[in-house]
C-alpha cells in the first residue's frame, strides 16, 4: 500500500489541500472541502490510507517543479498535464497547441476537459492554457486569478510575491 500524505498549506494564492505519495504530488485543491478532496484521493488510490502530515511545498516559491504521481488518471490526461508543465512561466498555449504537442491535433476540447478536471493545480500550471478565440478561458470562476498568476510569473518567474 503506497504512503499517501495530505495537509493544508498556505500559498501566495491562498490555502490549498495538498496530497503526496513517495512518487510525488498526487493532488492539490483550492477548495475548502476536505471530504471532497479525500474522496477524490480514495478513488485514485483505493488501496491507500490518507494520513495527515506536514508537507514541504518549497516548490511554490519558485523552486523546481515537484515530481507528480499520476496514478489513477487516464493516459490522455497524464499526457496533457505533463505537456502543460513544459509551458514556461508567464507564457501561454492554447488548448489546440497543447493537443498538437501531445500528438493529438484536433483534440482541443478533450484538452479543455482534462484541464477542467485537473487535480494537480498548482503543480500543473493550468493557468497557462488559454482559449484561441480570446486568449482566456473561464478557469472556474476566477479569470482574475489566472491573469494575476501570469502577470506575477512574467514579472519575477515566481508566484511568491503575488498580492492576491
N, C-alpha and C. Protein backbone atom coordinates (compact mmCIF):
# COMPACT_ATOMS: atom_id res chain seq x y z
N UNK A 1 0.85 -1.18 0.00
CA UNK A 1 0.00 0.00 0.00
C UNK A 1 0.89 1.25 0.00
N UNK A 2 0.81 2.11 -1.04
CA UNK A 2 1.66 3.30 -1.08
C UNK A 2 1.28 4.30 0.01
N UNK A 3 2.27 4.97 0.55
CA UNK A 3 2.03 6.01 1.55
C UNK A 3 1.36 7.19 0.86
N UNK A 4 0.32 7.73 1.47
CA UNK A 4 -0.42 8.87 0.94
C UNK A 4 -0.58 9.87 2.07
N UNK A 5 0.04 11.03 1.92
CA UNK A 5 0.02 12.05 2.96
C UNK A 5 -0.72 13.29 2.44
N UNK A 6 -1.39 13.98 3.34
CA UNK A 6 -2.08 15.21 2.93
C UNK A 6 -1.99 16.25 4.03
N UNK A 7 -2.15 17.50 3.62
CA UNK A 7 -2.17 18.59 4.58
C UNK A 7 -2.66 19.87 3.93
N UNK A 8 -2.95 20.83 4.74
CA UNK A 8 -3.39 22.15 4.28
C UNK A 8 -2.19 23.06 4.38
N UNK A 9 -1.84 23.71 3.29
CA UNK A 9 -0.69 24.61 3.31
C UNK A 9 -1.09 26.00 2.84
N UNK A 10 -0.39 26.98 3.35
CA UNK A 10 -0.60 28.36 2.92
C UNK A 10 0.26 28.62 1.70
N UNK A 11 -0.31 29.28 0.72
CA UNK A 11 0.40 29.61 -0.51
C UNK A 11 0.13 31.07 -0.86
N UNK A 12 0.86 31.63 -1.80
CA UNK A 12 0.59 33.00 -2.24
C UNK A 12 -0.81 33.17 -2.84
N UNK A 13 -1.45 32.08 -3.24
CA UNK A 13 -2.81 32.18 -3.81
C UNK A 13 -3.87 31.72 -2.81
N UNK A 14 -3.48 31.59 -1.55
CA UNK A 14 -4.40 31.17 -0.50
C UNK A 14 -4.12 29.73 -0.10
N UNK A 15 -4.86 29.24 0.89
CA UNK A 15 -4.62 27.89 1.37
C UNK A 15 -5.05 26.84 0.34
N UNK A 16 -4.29 25.75 0.29
CA UNK A 16 -4.66 24.63 -0.57
C UNK A 16 -4.48 23.33 0.20
N UNK A 17 -5.30 22.36 -0.16
CA UNK A 17 -5.07 20.99 0.28
C UNK A 17 -4.06 20.40 -0.67
N UNK A 18 -3.11 19.68 -0.14
CA UNK A 18 -2.07 19.06 -0.94
C UNK A 18 -1.91 17.62 -0.49
N UNK A 19 -1.77 16.71 -1.44
CA UNK A 19 -1.52 15.30 -1.13
C UNK A 19 -0.31 14.84 -1.93
N UNK A 20 0.47 13.97 -1.31
CA UNK A 20 1.64 13.44 -1.99
C UNK A 20 1.84 11.98 -1.62
N UNK A 21 2.52 11.29 -2.50
CA UNK A 21 2.99 9.94 -2.24
C UNK A 21 4.50 9.99 -2.32
N UNK A 22 5.14 8.86 -2.15
CA UNK A 22 6.59 8.83 -2.30
C UNK A 22 7.00 9.15 -3.73
N UNK A 23 6.08 8.97 -4.69
CA UNK A 23 6.38 9.25 -6.09
C UNK A 23 6.28 10.74 -6.43
N UNK A 24 5.49 11.51 -5.68
CA UNK A 24 5.35 12.92 -5.97
C UNK A 24 4.00 13.48 -5.56
N UNK A 25 3.71 14.70 -6.02
CA UNK A 25 2.44 15.35 -5.72
C UNK A 25 1.32 14.56 -6.40
N UNK A 26 0.31 14.21 -5.61
CA UNK A 26 -0.79 13.39 -6.13
C UNK A 26 -2.05 14.22 -6.36
N UNK A 27 -2.23 15.28 -5.60
CA UNK A 27 -3.43 16.11 -5.76
C UNK A 27 -3.23 17.43 -5.03
N UNK A 28 -3.96 18.42 -5.50
CA UNK A 28 -4.00 19.73 -4.85
C UNK A 28 -5.37 20.32 -5.10
N UNK A 29 -5.86 21.10 -4.16
CA UNK A 29 -7.18 21.69 -4.32
C UNK A 29 -7.27 22.99 -3.55
N UNK A 30 -7.84 24.00 -4.19
CA UNK A 30 -8.09 25.28 -3.52
C UNK A 30 -9.40 25.24 -2.75
N UNK A 31 -10.15 24.17 -2.86
CA UNK A 31 -11.43 24.05 -2.18
C UNK A 31 -11.25 24.00 -0.67
N UNK A 32 -12.26 24.45 0.05
CA UNK A 32 -12.26 24.33 1.50
C UNK A 32 -12.67 22.92 1.93
N UNK A 33 -13.34 22.19 1.06
CA UNK A 33 -13.98 20.92 1.40
C UNK A 33 -12.99 19.77 1.50
N UNK A 34 -12.58 19.44 2.71
CA UNK A 34 -11.65 18.34 2.93
C UNK A 34 -12.26 17.02 2.48
N UNK A 35 -13.51 16.76 2.79
CA UNK A 35 -14.11 15.46 2.45
C UNK A 35 -14.13 15.23 0.94
N UNK A 36 -14.43 16.25 0.16
CA UNK A 36 -14.41 16.10 -1.31
C UNK A 36 -12.99 15.82 -1.78
N UNK A 37 -12.01 16.49 -1.20
CA UNK A 37 -10.62 16.27 -1.55
C UNK A 37 -10.21 14.82 -1.24
N UNK A 38 -10.55 14.35 -0.05
CA UNK A 38 -10.22 12.98 0.33
C UNK A 38 -10.97 11.95 -0.51
N UNK A 39 -12.20 12.26 -0.90
CA UNK A 39 -12.97 11.33 -1.75
C UNK A 39 -12.27 11.13 -3.09
N UNK A 40 -11.76 12.22 -3.66
CA UNK A 40 -11.01 12.11 -4.91
C UNK A 40 -9.76 11.27 -4.75
N UNK A 41 -9.08 11.42 -3.62
CA UNK A 41 -7.89 10.60 -3.35
C UNK A 41 -8.26 9.13 -3.21
N UNK A 42 -9.37 8.85 -2.53
CA UNK A 42 -9.78 7.44 -2.36
C UNK A 42 -10.09 6.78 -3.70
N UNK A 43 -10.68 7.54 -4.62
CA UNK A 43 -10.98 6.98 -5.95
C UNK A 43 -9.68 6.65 -6.70
N UNK A 44 -8.72 7.52 -6.63
CA UNK A 44 -7.46 7.31 -7.35
C UNK A 44 -6.51 6.35 -6.66
N UNK A 45 -6.59 6.27 -5.35
CA UNK A 45 -5.67 5.44 -4.56
C UNK A 45 -6.48 4.55 -3.62
N UNK A 46 -7.27 3.64 -4.17
CA UNK A 46 -8.20 2.86 -3.33
C UNK A 46 -7.50 1.96 -2.31
N UNK A 47 -6.26 1.64 -2.51
CA UNK A 47 -5.55 0.75 -1.58
C UNK A 47 -4.70 1.51 -0.57
N UNK A 48 -4.80 2.83 -0.57
CA UNK A 48 -4.01 3.65 0.34
C UNK A 48 -4.90 4.29 1.39
N UNK A 49 -4.31 4.58 2.51
CA UNK A 49 -4.98 5.32 3.57
C UNK A 49 -4.30 6.69 3.64
N UNK A 50 -5.08 7.73 3.49
CA UNK A 50 -4.53 9.09 3.55
C UNK A 50 -4.31 9.48 5.00
N UNK A 51 -3.08 9.88 5.28
CA UNK A 51 -2.68 10.29 6.63
C UNK A 51 -2.33 11.77 6.65
N UNK A 52 -2.82 12.53 7.63
CA UNK A 52 -2.41 13.93 7.73
C UNK A 52 -0.90 14.03 7.99
N UNK A 53 -0.28 15.04 7.42
CA UNK A 53 1.16 15.22 7.58
C UNK A 53 1.54 16.67 7.30
N UNK A 54 2.72 17.06 7.76
CA UNK A 54 3.31 18.34 7.40
C UNK A 54 3.99 18.13 6.05
N UNK A 55 3.62 18.92 5.05
CA UNK A 55 4.17 18.75 3.71
C UNK A 55 5.07 19.92 3.36
N UNK A 56 6.12 19.65 2.62
CA UNK A 56 7.04 20.68 2.16
C UNK A 56 6.64 21.08 0.75
N UNK A 57 6.27 22.33 0.59
CA UNK A 57 5.88 22.82 -0.73
C UNK A 57 6.77 23.98 -1.14
N UNK A 58 8.06 23.86 -0.90
CA UNK A 58 9.02 24.91 -1.26
C UNK A 58 8.98 25.21 -2.75
N UNK A 59 8.55 24.23 -3.55
CA UNK A 59 8.45 24.43 -5.00
C UNK A 59 7.50 25.56 -5.36
N UNK A 60 6.59 25.93 -4.46
CA UNK A 60 5.67 27.03 -4.73
C UNK A 60 6.36 28.38 -4.68
N UNK A 61 7.54 28.44 -4.10
CA UNK A 61 8.29 29.68 -4.00
C UNK A 61 9.28 29.84 -5.15
N UNK A 62 9.01 29.19 -6.26
CA UNK A 62 9.84 29.35 -7.44
C UNK A 62 10.88 28.27 -7.63
N UNK A 63 10.86 27.25 -6.79
CA UNK A 63 11.82 26.16 -6.94
C UNK A 63 11.44 25.25 -8.11
N UNK A 64 12.22 24.20 -8.26
CA UNK A 64 11.96 23.24 -9.33
C UNK A 64 10.59 22.59 -9.13
N UNK A 65 9.87 22.38 -10.23
CA UNK A 65 8.56 21.73 -10.11
C UNK A 65 8.71 20.34 -9.48
N UNK A 66 7.76 19.97 -8.65
CA UNK A 66 7.87 18.67 -7.98
C UNK A 66 7.52 17.53 -8.93
N UNK A 67 7.98 16.33 -8.63
CA UNK A 67 7.51 15.18 -9.41
C UNK A 67 6.01 14.99 -9.15
N UNK A 68 5.35 14.35 -10.09
CA UNK A 68 3.91 14.09 -9.96
C UNK A 68 3.65 12.61 -9.80
N UNK A 69 2.60 12.27 -9.08
CA UNK A 69 2.10 10.90 -9.04
C UNK A 69 0.79 10.93 -9.82
N UNK A 70 0.79 10.36 -11.01
CA UNK A 70 -0.37 10.39 -11.91
C UNK A 70 -1.21 9.13 -11.82
N UNK A 71 -1.03 8.36 -10.77
CA UNK A 71 -1.80 7.14 -10.55
C UNK A 71 -3.29 7.43 -10.63
N UNK A 72 -4.02 6.58 -11.32
CA UNK A 72 -5.47 6.69 -11.38
C UNK A 72 -6.00 7.68 -12.39
N UNK A 73 -5.12 8.37 -13.11
CA UNK A 73 -5.55 9.31 -14.14
C UNK A 73 -5.48 8.62 -15.49
N UNK A 74 -6.30 9.07 -16.43
CA UNK A 74 -6.25 8.48 -17.76
C UNK A 74 -4.91 8.80 -18.43
N UNK A 75 -4.52 7.97 -19.36
CA UNK A 75 -3.27 8.20 -20.09
C UNK A 75 -3.32 9.54 -20.82
N UNK A 76 -4.47 9.88 -21.39
CA UNK A 76 -4.61 11.15 -22.10
C UNK A 76 -4.40 12.32 -21.13
N UNK A 77 -5.11 12.30 -19.99
CA UNK A 77 -4.98 13.39 -19.03
C UNK A 77 -3.53 13.51 -18.55
N UNK A 78 -2.89 12.38 -18.28
CA UNK A 78 -1.50 12.41 -17.83
C UNK A 78 -0.60 13.08 -18.87
N UNK A 79 -0.81 12.75 -20.15
CA UNK A 79 -0.01 13.38 -21.21
C UNK A 79 -0.26 14.89 -21.25
N UNK A 80 -1.51 15.29 -21.09
CA UNK A 80 -1.84 16.72 -21.08
C UNK A 80 -1.13 17.41 -19.93
N UNK A 81 -1.22 16.86 -18.73
CA UNK A 81 -0.64 17.50 -17.56
C UNK A 81 0.88 17.61 -17.67
N UNK A 82 1.51 16.59 -18.18
CA UNK A 82 2.96 16.65 -18.36
C UNK A 82 3.34 17.69 -19.42
N UNK A 83 2.56 17.79 -20.48
CA UNK A 83 2.83 18.79 -21.51
C UNK A 83 2.65 20.20 -20.97
N UNK A 84 1.61 20.42 -20.19
CA UNK A 84 1.35 21.75 -19.63
C UNK A 84 2.49 22.18 -18.71
N UNK A 85 3.11 21.23 -18.04
CA UNK A 85 4.25 21.58 -17.19
C UNK A 85 5.44 22.08 -18.00
N UNK A 86 5.45 21.83 -19.30
CA UNK A 86 6.56 22.30 -20.13
C UNK A 86 6.39 23.75 -20.58
N UNK A 87 5.23 24.35 -20.33
CA UNK A 87 4.99 25.74 -20.71
C UNK A 87 5.77 26.63 -19.74
N UNK A 88 6.58 27.50 -20.28
CA UNK A 88 7.43 28.37 -19.45
C UNK A 88 6.58 29.32 -18.61
N UNK A 89 7.05 29.65 -17.40
CA UNK A 89 6.34 30.62 -16.57
C UNK A 89 6.07 31.91 -17.33
N UNK A 90 4.86 32.41 -17.20
CA UNK A 90 4.47 33.65 -17.86
C UNK A 90 4.04 33.48 -19.30
N UNK A 91 4.23 32.31 -19.86
CA UNK A 91 3.84 32.02 -21.24
C UNK A 91 2.50 31.30 -21.25
N UNK A 92 1.88 31.26 -22.43
CA UNK A 92 0.62 30.54 -22.56
C UNK A 92 0.63 29.69 -23.82
N UNK A 93 -0.23 28.71 -23.84
CA UNK A 93 -0.51 27.90 -25.03
C UNK A 93 -2.02 27.75 -25.10
N UNK A 94 -2.53 27.59 -26.30
CA UNK A 94 -3.95 27.33 -26.45
C UNK A 94 -4.22 25.85 -26.25
N UNK A 95 -5.49 25.52 -26.05
CA UNK A 95 -5.88 24.12 -25.92
C UNK A 95 -5.47 23.34 -27.16
N UNK A 96 -5.63 23.94 -28.32
CA UNK A 96 -5.24 23.28 -29.57
C UNK A 96 -3.74 23.06 -29.67
N UNK A 97 -2.96 24.02 -29.20
CA UNK A 97 -1.50 23.86 -29.22
C UNK A 97 -1.06 22.73 -28.28
N UNK A 98 -1.71 22.62 -27.13
CA UNK A 98 -1.39 21.53 -26.22
C UNK A 98 -1.77 20.20 -26.87
N UNK A 99 -2.92 20.16 -27.53
CA UNK A 99 -3.35 18.93 -28.21
C UNK A 99 -2.31 18.52 -29.26
N UNK A 100 -1.83 19.47 -30.04
CA UNK A 100 -0.82 19.16 -31.05
C UNK A 100 0.48 18.70 -30.39
N UNK A 101 0.85 19.33 -29.29
CA UNK A 101 2.08 18.99 -28.58
C UNK A 101 2.08 17.53 -28.10
N UNK A 102 0.91 17.03 -27.71
CA UNK A 102 0.85 15.65 -27.22
C UNK A 102 0.54 14.65 -28.33
N UNK A 103 0.52 15.14 -29.57
CA UNK A 103 0.29 14.25 -30.71
C UNK A 103 -1.16 13.94 -30.98
N UNK A 104 -2.05 14.81 -30.51
CA UNK A 104 -3.48 14.63 -30.75
C UNK A 104 -4.09 15.89 -31.35
N UNK A 105 -3.61 16.29 -32.54
CA UNK A 105 -4.19 17.51 -33.14
C UNK A 105 -5.69 17.32 -33.32
N UNK A 106 -6.41 18.38 -33.11
CA UNK A 106 -7.86 18.30 -33.21
C UNK A 106 -8.54 17.93 -31.90
N UNK A 107 -7.77 17.70 -30.85
CA UNK A 107 -8.34 17.29 -29.56
C UNK A 107 -8.37 18.45 -28.56
N UNK A 108 -8.56 19.67 -29.06
CA UNK A 108 -8.56 20.84 -28.18
C UNK A 108 -9.64 20.73 -27.11
N UNK A 109 -10.83 20.28 -27.48
CA UNK A 109 -11.91 20.15 -26.48
C UNK A 109 -11.56 19.11 -25.43
N UNK A 110 -10.94 18.03 -25.85
CA UNK A 110 -10.53 16.99 -24.89
C UNK A 110 -9.46 17.54 -23.94
N UNK A 111 -8.56 18.37 -24.46
CA UNK A 111 -7.57 19.01 -23.60
C UNK A 111 -8.29 19.92 -22.61
N UNK A 112 -9.28 20.66 -23.08
CA UNK A 112 -10.07 21.52 -22.18
C UNK A 112 -10.73 20.71 -21.08
N UNK A 113 -11.24 19.53 -21.43
CA UNK A 113 -11.84 18.66 -20.43
C UNK A 113 -10.82 18.20 -19.41
N UNK A 114 -9.64 17.81 -19.89
CA UNK A 114 -8.58 17.38 -18.98
C UNK A 114 -8.20 18.52 -18.04
N UNK A 115 -8.11 19.73 -18.58
CA UNK A 115 -7.74 20.87 -17.74
C UNK A 115 -8.83 21.15 -16.70
N UNK A 116 -10.09 21.01 -17.09
CA UNK A 116 -11.18 21.32 -16.16
C UNK A 116 -11.24 20.34 -14.99
N UNK A 117 -10.72 19.14 -15.18
CA UNK A 117 -10.75 18.17 -14.08
C UNK A 117 -9.37 17.93 -13.47
N UNK A 118 -8.41 18.77 -13.80
CA UNK A 118 -7.04 18.61 -13.31
C UNK A 118 -7.00 18.68 -11.78
N UNK A 119 -6.55 17.60 -11.14
CA UNK A 119 -6.48 17.59 -9.68
C UNK A 119 -5.12 18.04 -9.14
N UNK A 120 -4.33 18.72 -9.97
CA UNK A 120 -2.94 18.96 -9.60
C UNK A 120 -2.50 20.42 -9.63
N UNK A 121 -3.41 21.37 -9.78
CA UNK A 121 -3.00 22.77 -9.74
C UNK A 121 -2.65 23.13 -8.31
N UNK A 122 -1.53 23.76 -8.08
CA UNK A 122 -0.62 24.46 -8.97
C UNK A 122 0.60 23.66 -9.45
N UNK A 123 0.71 22.38 -9.07
CA UNK A 123 1.84 21.58 -9.57
C UNK A 123 1.77 21.43 -11.08
N UNK A 124 0.57 21.47 -11.64
CA UNK A 124 0.36 21.57 -13.09
C UNK A 124 -0.20 22.97 -13.31
N UNK A 125 0.52 23.83 -14.01
CA UNK A 125 0.12 25.24 -14.14
C UNK A 125 -1.01 25.45 -15.16
N UNK A 126 -2.20 25.04 -14.78
CA UNK A 126 -3.38 25.12 -15.65
C UNK A 126 -3.63 26.53 -16.18
N UNK A 127 -3.24 27.52 -15.40
CA UNK A 127 -3.49 28.91 -15.78
C UNK A 127 -2.74 29.30 -17.06
N UNK A 128 -1.79 28.51 -17.50
CA UNK A 128 -1.02 28.83 -18.70
C UNK A 128 -1.69 28.34 -19.98
N UNK A 129 -2.85 27.72 -19.86
CA UNK A 129 -3.57 27.22 -21.04
C UNK A 129 -4.80 28.10 -21.25
N UNK A 130 -4.94 28.61 -22.48
CA UNK A 130 -5.98 29.59 -22.78
C UNK A 130 -6.73 29.23 -24.06
N UNK A 131 -7.87 29.87 -24.25
CA UNK A 131 -8.65 29.68 -25.49
C UNK A 131 -7.99 30.43 -26.64
N UNK A 132 -8.06 29.87 -27.82
CA UNK A 132 -7.52 30.53 -29.00
C UNK A 132 -8.33 31.77 -29.36
N UNK A 133 -9.62 31.75 -29.09
CA UNK A 133 -10.52 32.83 -29.50
C UNK A 133 -10.16 34.16 -28.86
N UNK A 134 -9.97 34.16 -27.55
CA UNK A 134 -9.75 35.44 -26.87
C UNK A 134 -8.54 35.45 -25.93
N UNK A 135 -7.80 34.34 -25.90
CA UNK A 135 -6.63 34.29 -25.05
C UNK A 135 -6.92 34.01 -23.59
N UNK A 136 -8.18 33.76 -23.25
CA UNK A 136 -8.54 33.48 -21.86
C UNK A 136 -9.53 32.33 -21.84
N UNK A 137 -9.86 31.90 -20.69
CA UNK A 137 -10.92 30.92 -20.52
C UNK A 137 -11.47 31.10 -19.12
N UNK A 138 -12.60 30.47 -18.85
CA UNK A 138 -13.28 30.66 -17.58
C UNK A 138 -12.46 30.30 -16.36
N UNK A 139 -11.68 29.23 -16.42
CA UNK A 139 -10.86 28.78 -15.31
C UNK A 139 -11.64 28.84 -14.01
N UNK A 140 -12.71 28.06 -14.01
CA UNK A 140 -13.64 28.15 -12.88
C UNK A 140 -14.31 29.50 -12.96
N UNK A 141 -14.40 30.16 -11.85
CA UNK A 141 -14.99 31.49 -11.82
C UNK A 141 -13.93 32.54 -11.54
N UNK A 142 -12.66 32.24 -11.83
CA UNK A 142 -11.60 33.14 -11.40
C UNK A 142 -10.59 33.45 -12.49
N UNK A 143 -11.06 34.07 -13.58
CA UNK A 143 -10.15 34.50 -14.62
C UNK A 143 -9.18 35.54 -14.06
N UNK A 144 -9.64 36.32 -13.08
CA UNK A 144 -8.77 37.32 -12.47
C UNK A 144 -7.53 36.70 -11.84
N UNK A 145 -7.70 35.56 -11.17
CA UNK A 145 -6.55 34.88 -10.58
C UNK A 145 -5.63 34.39 -11.67
N UNK A 146 -6.18 33.88 -12.74
CA UNK A 146 -5.37 33.40 -13.87
C UNK A 146 -4.50 34.55 -14.40
N UNK A 147 -5.11 35.70 -14.58
CA UNK A 147 -4.38 36.87 -15.08
C UNK A 147 -3.29 37.31 -14.09
N UNK A 148 -3.62 37.31 -12.78
CA UNK A 148 -2.63 37.72 -11.76
C UNK A 148 -1.46 36.74 -11.72
N UNK A 149 -1.74 35.44 -11.82
CA UNK A 149 -0.67 34.44 -11.81
C UNK A 149 0.28 34.64 -12.99
N UNK A 150 -0.29 34.83 -14.18
CA UNK A 150 0.55 35.04 -15.36
C UNK A 150 1.36 36.34 -15.23
N UNK A 151 0.73 37.40 -14.72
CA UNK A 151 1.44 38.66 -14.55
C UNK A 151 2.59 38.50 -13.54
N UNK A 152 2.35 37.79 -12.45
CA UNK A 152 3.40 37.57 -11.46
C UNK A 152 4.54 36.76 -12.06
N UNK A 153 4.20 35.74 -12.84
CA UNK A 153 5.24 34.93 -13.48
C UNK A 153 6.05 35.76 -14.46
N UNK A 154 5.39 36.64 -15.17
CA UNK A 154 6.09 37.45 -16.17
C UNK A 154 7.02 38.46 -15.50
N UNK A 155 6.67 38.88 -14.29
CA UNK A 155 7.49 39.89 -13.63
C UNK A 155 8.64 39.29 -12.83
N UNK A 156 8.47 38.04 -12.34
CA UNK A 156 9.54 37.52 -11.48
C UNK A 156 9.70 36.01 -11.55
N UNK A 157 9.04 35.33 -12.47
CA UNK A 157 9.13 33.87 -12.60
C UNK A 157 8.77 33.14 -11.30
N UNK A 158 7.92 33.74 -10.48
CA UNK A 158 7.52 33.10 -9.24
C UNK A 158 6.17 33.68 -8.81
N UNK A 159 5.36 32.86 -8.16
CA UNK A 159 4.12 33.37 -7.60
C UNK A 159 4.31 33.77 -6.14
N UNK A 160 5.54 33.74 -5.65
CA UNK A 160 5.81 34.03 -4.24
C UNK A 160 5.44 35.47 -3.86
N UNK A 161 5.45 36.41 -4.81
CA UNK A 161 5.16 37.78 -4.49
C UNK A 161 3.74 38.20 -4.91
N UNK A 162 2.91 37.24 -5.23
CA UNK A 162 1.55 37.53 -5.68
C UNK A 162 0.78 38.24 -4.59
N UNK A 163 0.17 39.38 -4.92
CA UNK A 163 -0.57 40.17 -3.94
C UNK A 163 -2.02 39.75 -3.81
N UNK A 164 -2.47 38.77 -4.55
CA UNK A 164 -3.87 38.33 -4.43
C UNK A 164 -4.71 39.16 -5.23
